[in-house]
Amino acid sequence: MDNLRLRGKTLQTPSFFQIYNYGGGFGHKTREMVYADLTGDTPALFNYYYISNKFPHMFESSEFDNLGKYADIGEALTAIRDRLARENIYSGCKYSPFDFGSKVIFLDSGAANIVNYLAEKNGYDEQAFNEELCSAMRDYYDFADRYKFDVVAGFDLGGKYTFKGGELKNAPLNCFLNRLDVDATNKMLFDKTLDYLKEKREYYPAVLAVVHGRTPADYADYARYIVREEEEKGYRFKGFTLGGVASWKALDASWFEGGFDDRLSKRTAAPARAATAVRKVAGDRPIHVLGGGGYENIALNYFCGATSFDVATLSRRVGDGNGLSADFMFSKEPLPREAKFGKAFVGGYNSDCSLRREEAGYVAIDRIPDDFELCGCAACKRVNSFYDIKKLYSEKSNDDEAFYYACQLMNAHAVLQHRKLCELLSGYDDMDTFRKENPTALNIALNRIYNKIKEKDGE
């Protein structure tokens, strides 16, 4: 697959998008912005629900109240980062100016939160809800165009895998969502998206149509439906995004029939099977996997036809740690039950592209040896040893910013490992050769899953 040419930028194939959820949380989310220079021009994904300030929510940031004074989103994010760094940076870290516009910036709608808000606002009246949902759709596309995002995902009902607002206990909301015809509503939004884009011939972002389906067969049917509608209405999307396959726990059992029932297969097969189905009709267009960019997913997704990925796991594992754990980093006393350590990514590759000894995964920071070999990435170069990261982490009671700096070094390291994997994959034409030259237990297992997918779903 060729790289995706955008307006003055190039998205490499494959690519990993770092998720920035500033506006959707405090603490770590703020520092992800401040230390954005650590991951350089790694592509970035932002959430419209969090940054538009059109929908009241608990983490709303006033930084997004005055976006109108900026020419584009890159300029806005650069200025916001500069302001955040005045009060949210470790004193031992020299602040480096950084242009957010150097990144390919992707806008996702965060539609599940928008749906919940609009449903409650409209008293769970379906007609009023649909009217306002269509209005929100147009606002979303207008926002992406006005601020010159490079890529925008199609607007749909979305999917949600973490819950912070008590949604699970909201009986009227859940009753409304259960009676909502998801397939019909998503197709209605798709049709209205086509109508909107036909009128916007100078639309700035590359738009990716979202594919849905309860079963693998439904997924393939929906992809074909998109292509038919494109031909009929005379508009061609830049590519596709795969929706609703990131979390295996919410999927229909049919995704796992035929030998995909072991733990790793459950976590990896569905996005890869979805990519296989869509690639058959996508031609040479890009396919992005929403939320399906975990380290164990990337190679399988790529060889099954996907070209880019994102996932929030990296920052979540760092955020597993709490302040109480910091006080016990070097203590010999028993760890209180409520104390939890953040987790660092281990394994992957060194900066010289040599394979590391450890299997890829996340390990609690207190279990990693002080002399653990660093990989040489931009984040690892900020310290002399892993002990330095643990020491920074341990200083939280005296210096919050030292703790956050340690966490963001771990986060950036994980991002760069995911990026490194993508860079290496671009040099391989097939899964079998990649596995032979990178014979980790993970890659051997993924190769078996890949062969099952090809046997079941075809090339």
Foldseek 3Di string as FASTA:
>chain_A
DQWDDFDVDTHHFFAEAEEQEQLPDDQLSLVCLLVVVQQPQRAYEYECVRQCPPFDDDRHDCLNVPPVVDQAPQVSSQVSNVVSCVPFADPVDDGDRGGSVSYQYEYEHNQLVVLLRLCVVVVNDVVSSLVVLLVVQVVVLVNCQRRQHAEYEQDFNADDDDDDDCPVVPVVSVVSVVPDPRVVRRVVSVVSVLVVVVVCVVRRYQYAYEFDDQALVRRLVRLVVSVVVCVVSVHDGQYHEYGDQQQLVPGDCNQCPQPQPDDLSSRARRLLSSQLSNCVPGPPGAYEYEQNLDLLHPLSNSQSHHGYYYHPVLLVQLVQADLQQLQCLPPPDDRDPPGGARWFWDWAAAPVRHGDPDDTDIDGLSPADFAHDDRHRSLSVVDDTSVCLSNLCSCCVPPVNSNSSSSVSRSSSSSVRSRSVSVVSVVDNHLVVVCVVVVDPSSVVSVVSSVSSCVVVND
